[in-house]
Amino acid sequence: MRKAALTLSLLIFPLFFLLSYGKSIKTLKLSIEEGKSFEKFNFKKTWEMSFFSGGWCLPCPQGIVCDEVLGRTGKEFKFKLYDYSGKLIKERKMVGGKGPDEIDFHGWDAFRVSSSGKVFVYDSTYLKVIDPETLKIETIVKYSNVIEGYGNKYTFGSHGHTSLEEKDDRTVTSFESTAFYEDLTYYIVTYNGVFENFSVIAAAKKERPLSWAISRKRQIYVDYYQNLRLNRILSVDWKRGVVYHIPDIEKPAIESVDLGGKQKEKYLIDINPDKFKIGREDFELKYKSDLSQEDPALKNLIKFILYIPPHAPALMGLKVRGDWLMIITGNRNWKKGENEVLVYRLPSLSYEGSFFMPFPNQLRTIWYDDYYIIRNLIEKEDGYYFSHEIYKVVEK
């Protein structure tokens, strides 16, 4: 029965796509008022830990679960469970692999805490789960067995990470097309439980990163913002059934689609990104870190060039929290490591004010319940480390 429902939904999708993709979208303007502050949220740092290489840390009901990669090869790693005071409760050393109770990757964005309190692992082929109490891994399902077209039409993707939000057993996230490198198409999808009632509610396209266009044979341009350009950034207003997403970080605009995939809107934000300054120190830090991981033989063959854009992108992220839509802009205080956030009231989208919040130089964030997780790249005498920081978002 479930298979039939999945097949039906995906038979309907091509027709929906043809009817809606070229359809004009209603465009609205989001205004701002200079000097108006928003002071309802307080970001309180509750936890911080630095690892030498890779890994991740996530808050869950049992404590903080971390994946610490041991050495640069990534073959060995440790799962660790800490309490919120930083005390180590349990750890489990493992060797990477492709078996049902193993993982062979440590991408920071492929791990999410589910509503059940367990850590879901979204690799390219299987959905796995880590039990925070035992730190054991279990395979739940192979995507292609429950999602018609997975692996042929779309995948979770590898070019950029995706937002993933869950409420009342319903998930909203996005897939890349299998030809993403050529067509830059991605799909916003929703499903219940373990991919039941799977449905594509919208299709969109990313802009081709400039570094892809200007890189030549034997030379590669290193773009500080490349991963962010490819990330599929979305957030859900569950109360009103609307998904907001950023199609292009360089443009001051966001789009929305309802959970039924019927109503789409575009919002132009009254900001000028040409005024958003860049911080060369963070650019050079990432550049040096990236080069330190490259094979010396490859560095002798290929010239790696640091690309410095004229200004920061217009947008860096967004998040729906309660009755507010927070839009994170590229206006950054580089010394403090904070970005400006514009806040709009839902559903009217009237302007409520702005504030600055912590934003990582790695440009990737995870939201879970009342927690906000970031990872910063830092340099020490013996190499480059990742500092994992967890903030609790408190309403005043």
Protein backbone atom coordinates (compact mmCIF):
# COMPACT_ATOMS: atom_id res chain seq x y z
CA MET A 1 0.00 0.00 0.00
CA ARG A 2 2.82 2.37 0.92
CA LYS A 3 4.65 1.54 -2.32
CA ALA A 4 1.52 2.31 -4.32
CA ALA A 5 1.12 5.68 -2.59
CA LEU A 6 4.74 6.56 -3.32
CA THR A 7 4.38 5.57 -6.97
CA LEU A 8 1.19 7.61 -7.37
CA SER A 9 2.75 10.73 -5.85
CA LEU A 10 5.73 10.50 -8.20
CA LEU A 11 3.57 9.90 -11.26
CA ILE A 12 1.71 13.10 -10.43
CA PHE A 13 4.91 15.10 -9.88
CA PRO A 14 6.09 15.49 -13.53
CA LEU A 15 2.71 17.02 -14.52
CA PHE A 16 2.77 19.30 -11.47
CA PHE A 17 6.30 20.34 -12.34
CA LEU A 18 5.42 21.23 -15.94
CA LEU A 19 2.41 23.25 -14.85
CA SER A 20 4.10 25.13 -12.03
CA TYR A 21 7.79 25.57 -12.84
CA GLY A 22 7.31 28.19 -15.51
CA LYS A 23 4.38 29.86 -13.76
CA SER A 24 4.93 33.46 -12.62
CA ILE A 25 5.39 33.89 -8.88
CA LYS A 26 3.71 36.64 -6.91
CA THR A 27 6.38 39.10 -5.79
CA LEU A 28 6.19 41.15 -2.59
CA LYS A 29 8.61 43.56 -0.92
CA LEU A 30 9.94 43.27 2.62
CA SER A 31 10.78 46.70 4.02
CA ILE A 32 13.16 47.56 6.86
CA GLU A 33 13.42 50.50 9.26
CA GLU A 34 16.94 51.71 10.00
CA GLY A 35 17.76 51.75 13.71
CA LYS A 36 14.86 49.55 14.83
CA SER A 37 16.12 46.82 17.17
CA PHE A 38 14.66 43.42 17.95
CA GLU A 39 15.43 42.31 21.52
CA LYS A 40 13.24 39.25 22.20
CA PHE A 41 15.92 36.57 21.64
CA ASN A 42 19.01 35.88 23.71
CA PHE A 43 21.66 33.41 22.44
CA LYS A 44 23.32 31.88 25.52
CA LYS A 45 26.38 29.69 24.93
CA THR A 46 25.89 26.44 26.85
CA TRP A 47 28.67 24.20 25.50
CA GLU A 48 31.94 24.33 23.52
CA MET A 49 34.48 21.71 22.44
CA SER A 50 37.36 21.72 19.92
CA PHE A 51 38.40 18.75 17.75
CA PHE A 52 41.51 18.42 15.61
CA SER A 53 39.81 16.99 12.55
CA GLY A 54 36.21 16.78 11.35
CA GLY A 55 33.39 15.48 13.47
CA TRP A 56 30.25 17.04 14.90
CA CYS A 57 28.40 17.67 18.17
CA LEU A 58 24.63 17.70 18.64
CA PRO A 59 22.40 18.33 21.67
CA CYS A 60 19.84 15.66 22.51
CA PRO A 61 17.73 14.75 25.57
CA GLN A 62 20.49 12.47 26.92
CA GLY A 63 23.24 15.13 26.62
CA ILE A 64 25.69 16.21 23.90
CA VAL A 65 26.60 13.52 21.35
CA CYS A 66 29.88 14.06 19.49
CA ASP A 67 31.74 12.33 16.69
CA GLU A 68 35.50 12.88 17.04
CA VAL A 69 37.60 11.79 14.08
CA LEU A 70 40.96 10.32 15.13
CA GLY A 71 43.67 11.44 12.74
CA ARG A 72 43.41 12.77 9.21
CA THR A 73 42.44 9.51 7.49
CA GLY A 74 39.05 9.32 9.21
CA LYS A 75 39.29 5.53 9.48
CA GLU A 76 38.98 5.59 13.26
CA PHE A 77 36.68 7.76 15.33
CA LYS A 78 34.95 7.98 18.67
CA PHE A 79 31.35 8.61 19.55
CA LYS A 80 31.17 10.49 22.84
CA LEU A 81 28.29 11.42 25.11
CA TYR A 82 28.78 14.42 27.41
CA ASP A 83 26.43 15.97 29.92
CA TYR A 84 25.65 19.67 29.53
CA SER A 85 28.35 20.62 32.05
CA GLY A 86 31.01 19.07 29.76
CA LYS A 87 31.56 15.86 31.75
CA LEU A 88 32.20 12.78 29.57
CA ILE A 89 29.54 10.12 30.28
CA LYS A 90 30.40 7.46 27.71
CA GLU A 91 32.54 6.91 24.64
CA ARG A 92 32.84 4.23 21.98
CA LYS A 93 35.77 3.83 19.60
CA MET A 94 34.92 2.58 16.11
CA VAL A 95 36.49 1.84 12.75
CA GLY A 96 34.73 3.22 9.68
CA GLY A 97 33.02 0.91 7.20
CA LYS A 98 30.01 0.40 4.96
CA GLY A 99 28.25 -2.27 7.03
CA PRO A 100 24.75 -1.86 8.53
CA ASP A 101 26.23 -0.93 11.92
CA GLU A 102 29.03 1.28 10.54
CA ILE A 103 29.58 4.69 8.94
CA ASP A 104 32.40 5.74 6.62
CA PHE A 105 31.87 9.51 6.54
CA HIS A 106 31.71 12.32 9.07
CA GLY A 107 30.06 15.19 7.19
CA TRP A 108 28.83 17.67 9.75
CA ASP A 109 25.54 18.28 7.97
CA ALA A 110 24.47 14.64 7.46
CA PHE A 111 23.57 14.11 11.13
CA ARG A 112 20.36 15.36 12.76
CA VAL A 113 18.58 14.78 16.08
CA SER A 114 15.11 13.35 15.43
CA SER A 115 11.99 14.00 17.50
CA SER A 116 12.56 10.56 19.05
CA GLY A 117 15.83 11.83 20.56
CA LYS A 118 18.03 9.62 18.39
CA VAL A 119 20.62 10.86 15.90
CA PHE A 120 19.63 10.18 12.29
CA VAL A 121 22.48 9.64 9.81
CA TYR A 122 21.64 10.63 6.23
CA ASP A 123 24.28 9.10 3.98
CA SER A 124 23.88 8.86 0.22
CA THR A 125 22.30 5.39 0.21
CA TYR A 126 20.93 4.46 3.65
CA LEU A 127 19.17 6.10 6.57
CA LYS A 128 20.93 5.03 9.75
CA VAL A 129 20.44 5.92 13.40
CA ILE A 130 22.77 6.36 16.38
CA ASP A 131 21.35 5.58 19.81
CA PRO A 132 22.78 8.25 22.18
CA GLU A 133 22.52 5.87 25.16
CA THR A 134 24.46 2.95 23.64
CA LEU A 135 26.32 4.89 20.89
CA LYS A 136 25.53 2.02 18.52
CA ILE A 137 24.60 2.40 14.85
CA GLU A 138 21.66 0.73 13.14
CA THR A 139 20.48 0.85 9.52
CA ILE A 140 16.81 1.82 9.18
CA VAL A 141 16.18 1.71 5.45
CA LYS A 142 17.72 1.93 1.99
CA TYR A 143 16.31 5.05 0.28
CA SER A 144 15.79 3.44 -3.12
CA ASN A 145 13.60 0.77 -1.53
CA VAL A 146 11.02 3.31 -0.31
CA ILE A 147 11.46 6.37 -2.56
CA GLU A 148 10.58 5.84 -6.21
CA GLY A 149 13.21 7.51 -8.39
CA TYR A 150 15.86 7.87 -5.69
CA GLY A 151 19.27 7.54 -7.31
CA ASN A 152 17.82 8.13 -10.78
CA LYS A 153 16.06 11.49 -10.42
CA TYR A 154 17.44 12.85 -7.17
CA THR A 155 19.59 12.13 -4.13
CA PHE A 156 20.33 13.73 -0.77
CA GLY A 157 23.32 15.15 -2.63
CA SER A 158 26.99 15.85 -2.07
CA HIS A 159 27.58 19.35 -3.43
CA GLY A 160 26.09 21.24 -0.49
CA HIS A 161 24.19 20.48 2.67
CA THR A 162 20.44 20.81 3.17
CA SER A 163 18.26 22.10 5.95
CA LEU A 164 16.03 19.45 7.49
CA GLU A 165 13.08 20.23 9.79
CA GLU A 166 10.69 17.84 11.52
CA LYS A 167 7.46 18.24 13.49
CA ASP A 168 4.75 15.75 14.50
CA ASP A 169 6.35 12.95 12.46
CA ARG A 170 6.48 15.10 9.30
CA THR A 171 9.78 16.13 7.70
CA VAL A 172 10.62 18.85 5.19
CA THR A 173 14.02 18.82 3.48
CA SER A 174 15.49 18.91 -0.04
CA PHE A 175 17.13 16.63 -2.59
CA GLU A 176 19.58 17.41 -5.37
CA SER A 177 18.87 16.22 -8.88
CA THR A 178 21.23 13.41 -9.91
CA ALA A 179 22.55 15.79 -12.60
CA PHE A 180 22.98 18.67 -10.14
CA TYR A 181 26.46 19.60 -11.36
CA GLU A 182 25.00 20.25 -14.83
CA ASP A 183 21.48 21.57 -14.13
CA LEU A 184 21.80 22.85 -10.50
CA THR A 185 18.22 21.74 -9.85
CA TYR A 186 17.00 20.76 -6.39
CA TYR A 187 13.66 19.68 -4.99
CA ILE A 188 11.92 20.62 -1.75
CA VAL A 189 10.30 17.45 -0.42
CA THR A 190 8.12 16.35 2.47
CA TYR A 191 7.24 12.99 3.99
CA ASN A 192 5.91 11.31 7.12
CA GLY A 193 7.86 8.92 9.33
CA VAL A 194 10.41 6.95 7.32
CA PHE A 195 9.64 8.39 3.86
CA GLU A 196 5.93 7.59 3.89
CA ASN A 197 3.66 9.83 1.75
CA PHE A 198 6.77 11.19 0.05
CA SER A 199 5.99 14.25 -2.06
CA VAL A 200 7.93 16.86 -4.05
CA ILE A 201 6.35 20.25 -3.35
CA ALA A 202 8.67 22.53 -5.36
CA ALA A 203 11.61 22.57 -7.74
CA ALA A 204 14.23 25.32 -7.82
CA LYS A 205 17.67 26.05 -9.24
CA LYS A 206 20.92 27.30 -7.78
CA GLU A 207 23.18 29.79 -9.53
CA ARG A 208 26.43 28.33 -10.83
CA PRO A 209 29.23 29.31 -8.42
CA LEU A 210 31.60 31.84 -9.93
CA SER A 211 34.60 29.71 -8.95
CA TRP A 212 33.25 26.91 -11.17
CA ALA A 213 33.02 29.30 -14.10
CA ILE A 214 36.44 30.93 -13.76
CA SER A 215 38.50 27.89 -12.74
CA ARG A 216 40.69 26.65 -15.57
CA LYS A 217 42.80 23.62 -16.28
CA ARG A 218 45.67 23.42 -13.78
CA GLN A 219 44.24 26.25 -11.68
CA ILE A 220 41.38 26.28 -9.19
CA TYR A 221 39.80 29.30 -7.55
CA VAL A 222 39.06 28.75 -3.86
CA ASP A 223 35.79 30.49 -3.00
CA TYR A 224 35.14 31.09 0.72
CA TYR A 225 31.39 31.11 0.06
CA GLN A 226 31.19 28.15 -2.36
CA ASN A 227 29.57 25.66 0.05
CA LEU A 228 27.08 28.28 1.19
CA ARG A 229 26.18 29.05 -2.43
CA LEU A 230 25.28 25.40 -2.97
CA ASN A 231 23.51 24.81 0.35
CA ARG A 232 19.75 24.31 0.17
CA ILE A 233 18.63 26.62 2.98
CA LEU A 234 15.01 26.37 4.10
CA SER A 235 12.82 26.72 7.18
CA VAL A 236 9.19 25.81 7.87
CA ASP A 237 6.38 27.86 9.38
CA TRP A 238 4.50 24.81 10.67
CA LYS A 239 1.62 26.86 12.08
CA ARG A 240 0.68 28.19 8.65
CA GLY A 241 2.10 25.39 6.49
CA VAL A 242 4.67 27.45 4.56
CA VAL A 243 8.28 26.68 3.60
CA TYR A 244 10.67 29.63 3.15
CA HIS A 245 13.91 29.12 1.23
CA ILE A 246 16.86 31.04 -0.24
CA PRO A 247 17.36 30.37 -3.98
CA ASP A 248 20.49 32.54 -4.40
CA ILE A 249 22.55 33.98 -1.53
CA GLU A 250 23.86 36.80 -3.74
CA LYS A 251 20.39 38.29 -4.23
CA PRO A 252 18.37 39.98 -1.47
CA ALA A 253 15.34 37.77 -2.03
CA ILE A 254 13.69 34.69 -0.56
CA GLU A 255 10.85 32.50 -1.83
CA SER A 256 8.09 30.47 -0.21
CA VAL A 257 5.84 27.54 -1.07
CA ASP A 258 2.98 26.05 0.90
CA LEU A 259 3.25 22.43 2.06
CA GLY A 260 0.75 21.42 -0.60
CA GLY A 261 3.01 22.79 -3.33
CA LYS A 262 0.30 25.05 -4.76
CA GLN A 263 1.05 28.62 -3.73
CA LYS A 264 4.46 30.20 -4.34
CA GLU A 265 5.62 33.70 -3.49
CA LYS A 266 8.82 35.73 -3.80
CA TYR A 267 9.95 38.43 -1.37
CA LEU A 268 12.42 41.20 -2.24
CA ILE A 269 14.31 42.51 0.80
CA ASP A 270 15.20 46.20 0.94
CA ILE A 271 18.94 45.84 1.59
CA ASN A 272 22.04 46.69 -0.44
CA PRO A 273 24.63 43.86 -0.26
CA ASP A 274 27.21 46.04 -2.08
CA LYS A 275 27.82 47.63 1.34
CA PHE A 276 28.54 44.30 3.09
CA LYS A 277 32.27 44.16 3.79
CA ILE A 278 34.40 41.02 3.75
CA GLY A 279 37.01 39.90 6.28
CA ARG A 280 40.17 38.88 4.49
CA GLU A 281 41.63 37.14 7.58
CA ASP A 282 38.85 34.51 7.62
CA PHE A 283 39.22 34.01 3.86
CA GLU A 284 42.92 33.35 4.23
CA LEU A 285 42.38 31.07 7.24
CA LYS A 286 40.05 28.79 5.27
CA TYR A 287 42.35 28.95 2.22
CA LYS A 288 45.37 27.81 4.26
CA SER A 289 43.35 25.11 5.99
CA ASP A 290 42.02 23.74 2.68
CA LEU A 291 45.51 23.69 1.14
CA SER A 292 46.97 21.91 4.15
CA GLN A 293 44.69 18.97 3.39
CA GLU A 294 45.59 18.71 -0.31
CA ASP A 295 48.03 16.11 -1.60
CA PRO A 296 51.48 17.74 -2.12
CA ALA A 297 51.74 16.12 -5.56
CA LEU A 298 48.44 17.73 -6.57
CA LYS A 299 49.59 21.14 -5.33
CA ASN A 300 52.61 20.81 -7.62
CA LEU A 301 50.34 20.20 -10.60
CA ILE A 302 47.51 22.65 -9.87
CA LYS A 303 47.62 26.28 -8.79
CA PHE A 304 45.09 27.11 -6.05
CA ILE A 305 44.04 30.78 -6.14
CA LEU A 306 42.13 32.52 -3.36
CA TYR A 307 39.07 34.27 -4.80
CA ILE A 308 38.15 37.53 -3.05
CA PRO A 309 34.68 38.86 -4.03
CA PRO A 310 33.93 42.60 -3.96
CA HIS A 311 31.45 42.19 -1.09
CA ALA A 312 29.73 39.59 1.07
CA PRO A 313 26.57 37.85 -0.17
CA ALA A 314 23.17 39.37 0.55
CA LEU A 315 21.87 36.43 2.59
CA MET A 316 23.45 33.73 4.76
CA GLY A 317 20.50 31.87 6.28
CA LEU A 318 16.96 31.97 7.60
CA LYS A 319 14.92 30.42 10.39
CA VAL A 320 11.27 30.42 11.45
CA ARG A 321 10.93 30.57 15.21
CA GLY A 322 7.42 30.84 16.65
CA ASP A 323 5.70 33.75 14.94
CA TRP A 324 8.90 35.28 13.60
CA LEU A 325 10.88 34.79 10.41
CA MET A 326 14.58 35.52 10.96
CA ILE A 327 16.64 36.33 7.84
CA ILE A 328 20.42 36.25 8.36
CA THR A 329 22.18 38.75 6.10
CA GLY A 330 25.78 39.02 4.93
CA ASN A 331 26.25 42.17 7.02
CA ARG A 332 28.88 40.82 9.42
CA ASN A 333 30.90 42.05 12.36
CA TRP A 334 34.01 40.03 11.50
CA LYS A 335 35.79 40.72 14.80
CA LYS A 336 32.87 39.53 16.95
CA GLY A 337 31.85 36.71 14.58
CA GLU A 338 28.25 37.95 14.37
CA ASN A 339 25.85 38.57 11.51
CA GLU A 340 22.87 40.88 11.25
CA VAL A 341 19.43 39.27 11.47
CA LEU A 342 16.26 40.89 10.09
CA VAL A 343 13.08 39.82 11.88
CA TYR A 344 9.59 39.76 10.36
CA ARG A 345 6.31 38.96 12.08
CA LEU A 346 4.31 36.04 10.70
CA PRO A 347 2.03 35.82 8.86
CA SER A 348 1.93 39.56 7.99
CA LEU A 349 5.71 39.78 7.38
CA SER A 350 5.75 43.21 8.98
CA TYR A 351 9.22 44.34 10.03
CA GLU A 352 9.98 43.84 13.75
CA GLY A 353 13.61 45.03 13.85
CA SER A 354 17.14 43.62 13.66
CA PHE A 355 19.88 42.23 15.91
CA PHE A 356 23.27 40.53 15.61
CA MET A 357 23.74 36.84 16.43
CA PRO A 358 26.73 34.42 16.47
CA PHE A 359 27.49 33.08 13.00
CA PRO A 360 30.41 30.73 12.22
CA ASN A 361 33.30 31.33 9.86
CA GLN A 362 32.52 27.82 8.52
CA LEU A 363 29.16 29.28 7.38
CA ARG A 364 27.14 26.23 8.47
CA THR A 365 24.56 26.06 11.22
CA ILE A 366 22.12 23.54 12.68
CA TRP A 367 18.93 24.35 14.60
CA TYR A 368 17.38 21.80 16.94
CA ASP A 369 14.50 22.62 19.26
CA ASP A 370 15.73 25.57 21.38
CA TYR A 371 19.35 24.99 20.39
CA TYR A 372 21.52 26.62 17.75
CA ILE A 373 24.74 24.82 16.77
CA ILE A 374 27.71 26.34 14.93
CA ARG A 375 31.24 25.25 14.02
CA ASN A 376 34.21 27.62 13.68
CA LEU A 377 37.59 26.96 12.11
CA ILE A 378 40.48 27.96 14.38
CA GLU A 379 44.26 27.78 14.02
CA LYS A 380 46.56 26.55 16.78
CA GLU A 381 50.30 25.91 16.89
CA ASP A 382 49.90 22.26 15.89
CA GLY A 383 47.33 22.72 13.15
CA TYR A 384 43.70 23.58 12.39
CA TYR A 385 40.85 22.73 14.74
CA PHE A 386 37.06 22.91 14.64
CA SER A 387 35.39 24.59 17.60
CA HIS A 388 31.85 23.30 18.16
CA GLU A 389 29.58 25.74 19.97
CA ILE A 390 26.03 25.17 21.18
CA TYR A 391 23.74 28.05 22.11
CA LYS A 392 20.37 27.94 23.81
CA VAL A 393 17.90 30.41 22.32
CA VAL A 394 15.91 32.06 25.09
CA GLU A 395 12.97 34.38 24.59
CA LYS A 396 13.09 37.38 26.90
